[in-house]
C-alpha atoms as a PDB file:
ATOM      1  CA  GLY A   1     -22.267  13.914  20.656  1.00  0.00           C
ATOM      2  CA  ASN A   2     -21.957  12.006  17.443  1.00  0.00           C
ATOM      3  CA  VAL A   3     -18.416  12.379  16.097  1.00  0.00           C
ATOM      4  CA  ASN A   4     -17.777  11.425  12.472  1.00  0.00           C
ATOM      5  CA  ALA A   5     -14.251  11.138  11.151  1.00  0.00           C
ATOM      6  CA  GLN A   6     -12.691   9.477   8.155  1.00  0.00           C
ATOM      7  CA  GLY A   7     -10.580   6.543   9.264  1.00  0.00           C
ATOM      8  CA  TRP A   8      -7.690   5.159   7.267  1.00  0.00           C
ATOM      9  CA  VAL A   9      -5.858   1.888   7.814  1.00  0.00           C
ATOM     10  CA  TYR A  10      -2.708   1.065   5.849  1.00  0.00           C
ATOM     11  CA  ALA A  11      -0.502  -1.965   5.246  1.00  0.00           C
ATOM     12  CA  VAL A  12       3.205  -1.945   4.446  1.00  0.00           C
ATOM     13  CA  GLY A  13       5.055  -4.686   2.578  1.00  0.00           C
ATOM     14  CA  ASN A  14       8.254  -5.422   0.697  1.00  0.00           C
ATOM     15  CA  VAL A  15       6.497  -6.397  -2.524  1.00  0.00           C
ATOM     16  CA  GLU A  16       6.613  -3.946  -5.434  1.00  0.00           C
ATOM     17  CA  ARG A  17       3.280  -3.577  -7.216  1.00  0.00           C
ATOM     18  CA  LYS A  18       2.858  -2.810 -10.913  1.00  0.00           C
ATOM     19  CA  GLY A  19       0.267  -0.204 -11.814  1.00  0.00           C
ATOM     20  CA  ASN A  20      -3.002  -0.087  -9.935  1.00  0.00           C
ATOM     21  CA  ALA A  21      -3.079  -3.156  -7.654  1.00  0.00           C
ATOM     22  CA  SER A  22      -6.834  -2.879  -7.153  1.00  0.00           C
ATOM     23  CA  ARG A  23      -7.368  -3.574 -10.881  1.00  0.00           C
ATOM     24  CA  ASP A  24      -4.956  -6.513 -10.976  1.00  0.00           C
ATOM     25  CA  PRO A  25      -6.931  -9.792 -10.866  1.00  0.00           C
ATOM     26  CA  ASP A  26      -3.910 -11.516  -9.277  1.00  0.00           C
ATOM     27  CA  SER A  27      -3.582  -8.876  -6.564  1.00  0.00           C
ATOM     28  CA  ASN A  28      -3.854  -9.826  -2.905  1.00  0.00           C
ATOM     29  CA  VAL A  29      -5.096  -6.322  -2.067  1.00  0.00           C
ATOM     30  CA  VAL A  30      -8.647  -5.526  -0.983  1.00  0.00           C
ATOM     31  CA  THR A  31      -9.848  -1.971  -0.392  1.00  0.00           C
ATOM     32  CA  GLY A  32     -13.131  -0.635   0.843  1.00  0.00           C
ATOM     33  CA  THR A  33     -15.062   1.012   3.630  1.00  0.00           C
ATOM     34  CA  PHE A  34     -15.648  -1.197   6.636  1.00  0.00           C
ATOM     35  CA  LEU A  35     -17.283  -0.809  10.029  1.00  0.00           C
ATOM     36  CA  LEU A  36     -14.657  -1.042  12.778  1.00  0.00           C
ATOM     37  CA  ASN A  37     -15.826  -0.674  16.391  1.00  0.00           C
ATOM     38  CA  ASN A  38     -18.962   1.151  15.184  1.00  0.00           C
ATOM     39  CA  ARG A  39     -16.921   3.612  13.047  1.00  0.00           C
ATOM     40  CA  TYR A  40     -16.558   3.563   9.272  1.00  0.00           C
ATOM     41  CA  ALA A  41     -12.986   3.359   8.023  1.00  0.00           C
ATOM     42  CA  SER A  42     -11.434   3.233   4.562  1.00  0.00           C
ATOM     43  CA  MET A  43      -9.126   0.227   4.649  1.00  0.00           C
ATOM     44  CA  LEU A  44      -6.531  -1.481   2.537  1.00  0.00           C
ATOM     45  CA  PHE A  45      -5.892  -5.177   3.242  1.00  0.00           C
ATOM     46  CA  ASP A  46      -2.745  -6.648   1.692  1.00  0.00           C
ATOM     47  CA  THR A  47      -1.935 -10.300   2.379  1.00  0.00           C
ATOM     48  CA  ASP A  48       1.705  -9.633   1.417  1.00  0.00           C
ATOM     49  CA  ALA A  49       2.062  -6.897   4.043  1.00  0.00           C
ATOM     50  CA  ASP A  50       4.708  -7.145   6.741  1.00  0.00           C
ATOM     51  CA  ARG A  51       3.143  -4.538   9.021  1.00  0.00           C
ATOM     52  CA  SER A  52      -0.184  -2.841   9.603  1.00  0.00           C
ATOM     53  CA  PHE A  53      -0.917   0.591  10.961  1.00  0.00           C
ATOM     54  CA  ILE A  54      -3.780   2.946  11.663  1.00  0.00           C
ATOM     55  CA  SER A  55      -3.900   6.721  12.033  1.00  0.00           C
ATOM     56  CA  THR A  56      -3.580   7.937  15.614  1.00  0.00           C
ATOM     57  CA  ALA A  57      -6.582  10.237  15.085  1.00  0.00           C
ATOM     58  CA  PHE A  58      -8.786   7.283  14.141  1.00  0.00           C
ATOM     59  CA  SER A  59      -7.379   4.956  16.806  1.00  0.00           C
ATOM     60  CA  SER A  60      -8.458   7.416  19.496  1.00  0.00           C
ATOM     61  CA  LEU A  61     -12.042   7.315  18.145  1.00  0.00           C
ATOM     62  CA  ILE A  62     -12.227   3.537  18.515  1.00  0.00           C
ATOM     63  CA  ASN A  63     -10.439   3.358  21.891  1.00  0.00           C
ATOM     64  CA  ILE A  64      -7.283   1.625  20.669  1.00  0.00           C
ATOM     65  CA  VAL A  65      -3.953   2.655  22.160  1.00  0.00           C
ATOM     66  CA  PRO A  66      -1.402   2.809  19.312  1.00  0.00           C
ATOM     67  CA  THR A  67       1.919   0.981  19.577  1.00  0.00           C
ATOM     68  CA  PRO A  68       4.843   2.762  17.884  1.00  0.00           C
ATOM     69  CA  LEU A  69       6.334   0.852  14.937  1.00  0.00           C
ATOM     70  CA  GLY A  70       9.891   1.989  15.608  1.00  0.00           C
ATOM     71  CA  ASN A  71      10.265   3.220  12.015  1.00  0.00           C
ATOM     72  CA  SER A  72       8.859   6.067   9.993  1.00  0.00           C
ATOM     73  CA  TYR A  73       7.046   5.570   6.689  1.00  0.00           C
ATOM     74  CA  ASP A  74       6.064   7.935   3.877  1.00  0.00           C
ATOM     75  CA  VAL A  75       2.438   7.329   2.899  1.00  0.00           C
ATOM     76  CA  LYS A  76       1.402   8.530  -0.548  1.00  0.00           C
END
């Protein structure tokens, strides 16, 4: 059947942001909903990011085998 799920993709970096980065005209952050392997996902692209990750629930919907990062992160 047709399975719909909200996908989230995150980026992690060492740069501290002031306020709402999406409203900063000098920000290197882009957010939006994009089509990824025929599934819609809410994404955050940050050119200053050191790492990227995707939820395991969403990765299984798009047939991507996740690779552990070796660290844990708190996502807020």
